[in-house]
Amino acid sequence: SGWLGPDDITDGDQYWGRFDMLLAMAAYAEANPTKAANVSKSMLLFMHETGQRMVTTPLSDWSAARGM
């Protein structure tokens, strides 16, 4: 589906913490150009999945407070 990490949270807090991971993935891709295509694809699939989930489960709690 593109989701990265555990899939055990069903409320709007499921997005919290994932965006820091995206920054780490971007840094990894920059440091390892041979992995950049795979990392970029994973990041794009994750963002697409996040958008799909937000249709039915909007941001809440920490995710909403941080304005992700």
C-alpha atoms as a PDB file:
ATOM      1  CA  SER A   1       0.000   0.000   0.000  1.00  0.00           C
ATOM      2  CA  GLY A   2       2.945   2.315   0.592  1.00  0.00           C
ATOM      3  CA  TRP A   3       2.456   2.664   4.346  1.00  0.00           C
ATOM      4  CA  LEU A   4       5.722   2.632   6.263  1.00  0.00           C
ATOM      5  CA  GLY A   5       5.943   1.336   9.811  1.00  0.00           C
ATOM      6  CA  PRO A   6       3.437  -0.379  12.075  1.00  0.00           C
ATOM      7  CA  ASP A   7      -0.187  -0.181  11.082  1.00  0.00           C
ATOM      8  CA  ASP A   8      -1.778  -0.561  14.507  1.00  0.00           C
ATOM      9  CA  ILE A   9      -3.094   2.977  15.132  1.00  0.00           C
ATOM     10  CA  THR A  10      -6.517   3.710  13.684  1.00  0.00           C
ATOM     11  CA  ASP A  11      -7.079   7.343  14.673  1.00  0.00           C
ATOM     12  CA  GLY A  12      -5.623  10.602  13.379  1.00  0.00           C
ATOM     13  CA  ASP A  13      -2.448  10.066  15.395  1.00  0.00           C
ATOM     14  CA  GLN A  14      -1.298   7.401  12.936  1.00  0.00           C
ATOM     15  CA  TYR A  15       0.567  10.079  10.989  1.00  0.00           C
ATOM     16  CA  TRP A  16       2.640  11.382  13.905  1.00  0.00           C
ATOM     17  CA  GLY A  17       6.294  10.432  13.692  1.00  0.00           C
ATOM     18  CA  ARG A  18       6.249   9.335  10.060  1.00  0.00           C
ATOM     19  CA  PHE A  19       7.373  12.671   8.662  1.00  0.00           C
ATOM     20  CA  ASP A  20      10.629  12.653  10.642  1.00  0.00           C
ATOM     21  CA  MET A  21      11.272   9.305   9.026  1.00  0.00           C
ATOM     22  CA  LEU A  22      10.817  10.883   5.584  1.00  0.00           C
ATOM     23  CA  LEU A  23      13.530  13.431   6.384  1.00  0.00           C
ATOM     24  CA  ALA A  24      15.864  10.609   7.402  1.00  0.00           C
ATOM     25  CA  MET A  25      15.061   8.721   4.198  1.00  0.00           C
ATOM     26  CA  ALA A  26      15.805  11.818   2.115  1.00  0.00           C
ATOM     27  CA  ALA A  27      19.157  12.241   3.830  1.00  0.00           C
ATOM     28  CA  TYR A  28      19.938   8.557   3.241  1.00  0.00           C
ATOM     29  CA  ALA A  29      19.091   8.875  -0.449  1.00  0.00           C
ATOM     30  CA  GLU A  30      21.292  11.943  -0.765  1.00  0.00           C
ATOM     31  CA  ALA A  31      24.208  10.121   0.868  1.00  0.00           C
ATOM     32  CA  ASN A  32      23.660   6.948  -1.201  1.00  0.00           C
ATOM     33  CA  PRO A  33      22.797   7.981  -4.767  1.00  0.00           C
ATOM     34  CA  THR A  34      22.539   4.365  -5.927  1.00  0.00           C
ATOM     35  CA  LYS A  35      19.607   3.902  -3.513  1.00  0.00           C
ATOM     36  CA  ALA A  36      17.880   7.196  -4.355  1.00  0.00           C
ATOM     37  CA  ALA A  37      15.398   5.758  -6.861  1.00  0.00           C
ATOM     38  CA  ASN A  38      14.159   3.097  -4.434  1.00  0.00           C
ATOM     39  CA  VAL A  39      13.968   5.524  -1.534  1.00  0.00           C
ATOM     40  CA  SER A  40      12.129   8.120  -3.630  1.00  0.00           C
ATOM     41  CA  LYS A  41       9.610   5.534  -4.787  1.00  0.00           C
ATOM     42  CA  SER A  42       8.977   4.438  -1.185  1.00  0.00           C
ATOM     43  CA  MET A  43       8.506   8.032  -0.078  1.00  0.00           C
ATOM     44  CA  LEU A  44       6.071   8.805  -2.895  1.00  0.00           C
ATOM     45  CA  LEU A  45       4.042   5.654  -2.243  1.00  0.00           C
ATOM     46  CA  PHE A  46       3.885   6.564   1.441  1.00  0.00           C
ATOM     47  CA  MET A  47       2.654  10.089   0.677  1.00  0.00           C
ATOM     48  CA  HIS A  48      -0.007   8.693  -1.644  1.00  0.00           C
ATOM     49  CA  GLU A  49      -1.162   6.231   1.029  1.00  0.00           C
ATOM     50  CA  THR A  50      -1.207   9.011   3.633  1.00  0.00           C
ATOM     51  CA  GLY A  51      -3.431  11.116   1.371  1.00  0.00           C
ATOM     52  CA  GLN A  52      -5.801   8.193   0.886  1.00  0.00           C
ATOM     53  CA  ARG A  53      -6.023   7.571   4.640  1.00  0.00           C
ATOM     54  CA  MET A  54      -6.654  11.239   5.424  1.00  0.00           C
ATOM     55  CA  VAL A  55      -9.870  11.103   3.413  1.00  0.00           C
ATOM     56  CA  THR A  56     -11.428   8.862   6.061  1.00  0.00           C
ATOM     57  CA  THR A  57      -9.173   9.535   9.083  1.00  0.00           C
ATOM     58  CA  PRO A  58      -8.211  13.202   9.445  1.00  0.00           C
ATOM     59  CA  LEU A  59      -5.371  14.487  11.583  1.00  0.00           C
ATOM     60  CA  SER A  60      -5.975  14.551  15.344  1.00  0.00           C
ATOM     61  CA  ASP A  61      -4.150  15.161  18.593  1.00  0.00           C
ATOM     62  CA  TRP A  62      -0.372  15.630  18.082  1.00  0.00           C
ATOM     63  CA  SER A  63      -0.618  15.346  14.322  1.00  0.00           C
ATOM     64  CA  ALA A  64      -3.174  18.136  14.148  1.00  0.00           C
ATOM     65  CA  ALA A  65      -1.393  20.281  16.746  1.00  0.00           C
ATOM     66  CA  ARG A  66       1.831  20.143  14.760  1.00  0.00           C
ATOM     67  CA  GLY A  67       0.061  21.001  11.512  1.00  0.00           C
ATOM     68  CA  MET A  68       1.496  18.156   9.516  1.00  0.00           C
END
